[in-house]
Amino acid sequence: MIRIYTKPKGQIPDYEEPVILHAEAPTVRDFCNRLHKSIVSQFQYAWVWGSSVKHQPQRVGLDHVLMDEDVVQIVKKE
Protein backbone atom coordinates (compact mmCIF):
# COMPACT_ATOMS: atom_id res chain seq x y z
CA MET A 1 0.00 0.00 0.00
CA ILE A 2 1.49 3.36 -1.03
CA ARG A 3 0.42 7.00 -0.75
CA ILE A 4 0.44 9.25 -3.82
CA TYR A 5 -0.21 12.96 -3.48
CA THR A 6 -1.93 15.08 -6.12
CA LYS A 7 -0.70 18.47 -7.30
CA PRO A 8 -3.05 20.76 -9.21
CA LYS A 9 -1.30 22.99 -11.76
CA GLY A 10 -0.02 26.19 -10.17
CA GLN A 11 -0.78 25.05 -6.61
CA ILE A 12 1.08 23.27 -3.83
CA PRO A 13 0.63 19.49 -3.42
CA ASP A 14 -2.30 18.27 -1.33
CA TYR A 15 -0.62 16.40 1.54
CA GLU A 16 -3.87 16.12 3.53
CA GLU A 17 -5.64 13.47 1.43
CA PRO A 18 -3.31 11.08 -0.43
CA VAL A 19 -4.56 8.62 -3.03
CA ILE A 20 -3.94 5.10 -1.69
CA LEU A 21 -2.82 2.45 -4.20
CA HIS A 22 -2.73 -1.23 -3.25
CA ALA A 23 -0.92 -2.66 -6.29
CA GLU A 24 2.54 -4.18 -5.91
CA ALA A 25 4.09 -1.93 -8.57
CA PRO A 26 1.45 0.76 -9.20
CA THR A 27 1.75 2.79 -12.37
CA VAL A 28 0.55 6.24 -13.35
CA ARG A 29 -2.27 4.41 -15.21
CA ASP A 30 -3.39 2.80 -11.91
CA PHE A 31 -3.28 6.23 -10.26
CA CYS A 32 -5.41 7.78 -13.03
CA ASN A 33 -7.96 4.96 -12.86
CA ARG A 34 -8.21 5.42 -9.09
CA LEU A 35 -9.07 9.10 -9.59
CA HIS A 36 -11.55 8.66 -12.47
CA LYS A 37 -11.87 6.19 -15.37
CA SER A 38 -12.05 8.94 -18.03
CA ILE A 39 -8.65 10.47 -17.16
CA VAL A 40 -6.65 7.82 -19.08
CA SER A 41 -8.38 8.72 -22.36
CA GLN A 42 -7.53 12.43 -21.83
CA PHE A 43 -4.00 11.77 -20.49
CA GLN A 44 -1.06 13.42 -22.27
CA TYR A 45 1.73 13.06 -19.66
CA ALA A 46 2.38 13.51 -15.94
CA TRP A 47 4.93 15.41 -13.88
CA VAL A 48 6.25 13.37 -10.95
CA TRP A 49 8.25 14.51 -7.91
CA GLY A 50 9.66 11.90 -5.52
CA SER A 51 11.87 8.86 -5.20
CA SER A 52 10.61 7.10 -8.36
CA VAL A 53 12.24 9.68 -10.67
CA LYS A 54 15.80 10.93 -11.27
CA HIS A 55 14.91 14.58 -11.83
CA GLN A 56 12.53 16.75 -9.78
CA PRO A 57 10.08 16.98 -11.52
CA GLN A 58 10.29 14.44 -14.33
CA ARG A 59 7.85 14.04 -17.22
CA VAL A 60 6.53 10.45 -17.37
CA GLY A 61 3.97 8.33 -19.21
CA LEU A 62 1.22 5.95 -18.12
CA ASP A 63 3.59 3.00 -17.55
CA HIS A 64 5.85 4.77 -15.03
CA VAL A 65 5.97 2.88 -11.70
CA LEU A 66 5.25 5.09 -8.69
CA MET A 67 6.74 4.86 -5.20
CA ASP A 68 5.42 5.81 -1.76
CA GLU A 69 4.83 9.54 -1.22
CA ASP A 70 5.40 10.55 -4.87
CA VAL A 71 3.63 13.73 -5.99
CA VAL A 72 1.83 13.57 -9.36
CA GLN A 73 0.49 16.32 -11.60
CA ILE A 74 -1.51 15.07 -14.59
CA VAL A 75 -1.51 17.01 -17.86
CA LYS A 76 -4.49 16.32 -20.12
CA LYS A 77 -4.78 16.72 -23.89
CA GLU A 78 -6.24 20.03 -24.99
C-alpha atoms as a PDB file:
ATOM      1  CA  MET A   1       0.000   0.000   0.000  1.00  0.00           C
ATOM      2  CA  ILE A   2       1.485   3.356  -1.034  1.00  0.00           C
ATOM      3  CA  ARG A   3       0.420   6.996  -0.754  1.00  0.00           C
ATOM      4  CA  ILE A   4       0.437   9.246  -3.823  1.00  0.00           C
ATOM      5  CA  TYR A   5      -0.207  12.963  -3.478  1.00  0.00           C
ATOM      6  CA  THR A   6      -1.926  15.079  -6.119  1.00  0.00           C
ATOM      7  CA  LYS A   7      -0.696  18.467  -7.296  1.00  0.00           C
ATOM      8  CA  PRO A   8      -3.055  20.756  -9.215  1.00  0.00           C
ATOM      9  CA  LYS A   9      -1.304  22.991 -11.757  1.00  0.00           C
ATOM     10  CA  GLY A  10      -0.016  26.195 -10.166  1.00  0.00           C
ATOM     11  CA  GLN A  11      -0.775  25.048  -6.612  1.00  0.00           C
ATOM     12  CA  ILE A  12       1.081  23.272  -3.832  1.00  0.00           C
ATOM     13  CA  PRO A  13       0.626  19.488  -3.416  1.00  0.00           C
ATOM     14  CA  ASP A  14      -2.305  18.268  -1.329  1.00  0.00           C
ATOM     15  CA  TYR A  15      -0.615  16.401   1.543  1.00  0.00           C
ATOM     16  CA  GLU A  16      -3.865  16.116   3.532  1.00  0.00           C
ATOM     17  CA  GLU A  17      -5.635  13.466   1.433  1.00  0.00           C
ATOM     18  CA  PRO A  18      -3.309  11.078  -0.426  1.00  0.00           C
ATOM     19  CA  VAL A  19      -4.558   8.618  -3.033  1.00  0.00           C
ATOM     20  CA  ILE A  20      -3.943   5.097  -1.689  1.00  0.00           C
ATOM     21  CA  LEU A  21      -2.825   2.453  -4.199  1.00  0.00           C
ATOM     22  CA  HIS A  22      -2.734  -1.225  -3.254  1.00  0.00           C
ATOM     23  CA  ALA A  23      -0.923  -2.658  -6.291  1.00  0.00           C
ATOM     24  CA  GLU A  24       2.536  -4.182  -5.906  1.00  0.00           C
ATOM     25  CA  ALA A  25       4.092  -1.930  -8.570  1.00  0.00           C
ATOM     26  CA  PRO A  26       1.452   0.760  -9.197  1.00  0.00           C
ATOM     27  CA  THR A  27       1.754   2.792 -12.374  1.00  0.00           C
ATOM     28  CA  VAL A  28       0.552   6.244 -13.349  1.00  0.00           C
ATOM     29  CA  ARG A  29      -2.271   4.415 -15.210  1.00  0.00           C
ATOM     30  CA  ASP A  30      -3.393   2.797 -11.911  1.00  0.00           C
ATOM     31  CA  PHE A  31      -3.284   6.231 -10.257  1.00  0.00           C
ATOM     32  CA  CYS A  32      -5.408   7.782 -13.034  1.00  0.00           C
ATOM     33  CA  ASN A  33      -7.956   4.958 -12.863  1.00  0.00           C
ATOM     34  CA  ARG A  34      -8.207   5.417  -9.091  1.00  0.00           C
ATOM     35  CA  LEU A  35      -9.073   9.105  -9.588  1.00  0.00           C
ATOM     36  CA  HIS A  36     -11.547   8.662 -12.469  1.00  0.00           C
ATOM     37  CA  LYS A  37     -11.869   6.190 -15.366  1.00  0.00           C
ATOM     38  CA  SER A  38     -12.046   8.938 -18.030  1.00  0.00           C
ATOM     39  CA  ILE A  39      -8.654  10.466 -17.164  1.00  0.00           C
ATOM     40  CA  VAL A  40      -6.654   7.815 -19.075  1.00  0.00           C
ATOM     41  CA  SER A  41      -8.377   8.724 -22.365  1.00  0.00           C
ATOM     42  CA  GLN A  42      -7.532  12.429 -21.830  1.00  0.00           C
ATOM     43  CA  PHE A  43      -4.002  11.773 -20.491  1.00  0.00           C
ATOM     44  CA  GLN A  44      -1.061  13.421 -22.274  1.00  0.00           C
ATOM     45  CA  TYR A  45       1.729  13.056 -19.660  1.00  0.00           C
ATOM     46  CA  ALA A  46       2.377  13.510 -15.942  1.00  0.00           C
ATOM     47  CA  TRP A  47       4.931  15.406 -13.875  1.00  0.00           C
ATOM     48  CA  VAL A  48       6.250  13.367 -10.948  1.00  0.00           C
ATOM     49  CA  TRP A  49       8.246  14.507  -7.906  1.00  0.00           C
ATOM     50  CA  GLY A  50       9.657  11.900  -5.520  1.00  0.00           C
ATOM     51  CA  SER A  51      11.868   8.858  -5.202  1.00  0.00           C
ATOM     52  CA  SER A  52      10.610   7.102  -8.357  1.00  0.00           C
ATOM     53  CA  VAL A  53      12.240   9.681 -10.672  1.00  0.00           C
ATOM     54  CA  LYS A  54      15.795  10.927 -11.266  1.00  0.00           C
ATOM     55  CA  HIS A  55      14.907  14.579 -11.829  1.00  0.00           C
ATOM     56  CA  GLN A  56      12.530  16.746  -9.782  1.00  0.00           C
ATOM     57  CA  PRO A  57      10.083  16.977 -11.521  1.00  0.00           C
ATOM     58  CA  GLN A  58      10.287  14.443 -14.328  1.00  0.00           C
ATOM     59  CA  ARG A  59       7.855  14.038 -17.216  1.00  0.00           C
ATOM     60  CA  VAL A  60       6.525  10.453 -17.375  1.00  0.00           C
ATOM     61  CA  GLY A  61       3.965   8.335 -19.212  1.00  0.00           C
ATOM     62  CA  LEU A  62       1.219   5.948 -18.125  1.00  0.00           C
ATOM     63  CA  ASP A  63       3.586   3.001 -17.555  1.00  0.00           C
ATOM     64  CA  HIS A  64       5.851   4.770 -15.027  1.00  0.00           C
ATOM     65  CA  VAL A  65       5.972   2.878 -11.702  1.00  0.00           C
ATOM     66  CA  LEU A  66       5.246   5.092  -8.695  1.00  0.00           C
ATOM     67  CA  MET A  67       6.735   4.857  -5.198  1.00  0.00           C
ATOM     68  CA  ASP A  68       5.422   5.806  -1.756  1.00  0.00           C
ATOM     69  CA  GLU A  69       4.830   9.540  -1.224  1.00  0.00           C
ATOM     70  CA  ASP A  70       5.397  10.553  -4.867  1.00  0.00           C
ATOM     71  CA  VAL A  71       3.628  13.733  -5.992  1.00  0.00           C
ATOM     72  CA  VAL A  72       1.832  13.567  -9.364  1.00  0.00           C
ATOM     73  CA  GLN A  73       0.488  16.321 -11.597  1.00  0.00           C
ATOM     74  CA  ILE A  74      -1.511  15.073 -14.592  1.00  0.00           C
ATOM     75  CA  VAL A  75      -1.507  17.012 -17.863  1.00  0.00           C
ATOM     76  CA  LYS A  76      -4.495  16.324 -20.123  1.00  0.00           C
ATOM     77  CA  LYS A  77      -4.784  16.716 -23.892  1.00  0.00           C
ATOM     78  CA  GLU A  78      -6.241  20.027 -24.987  1.00  0.00           C
END
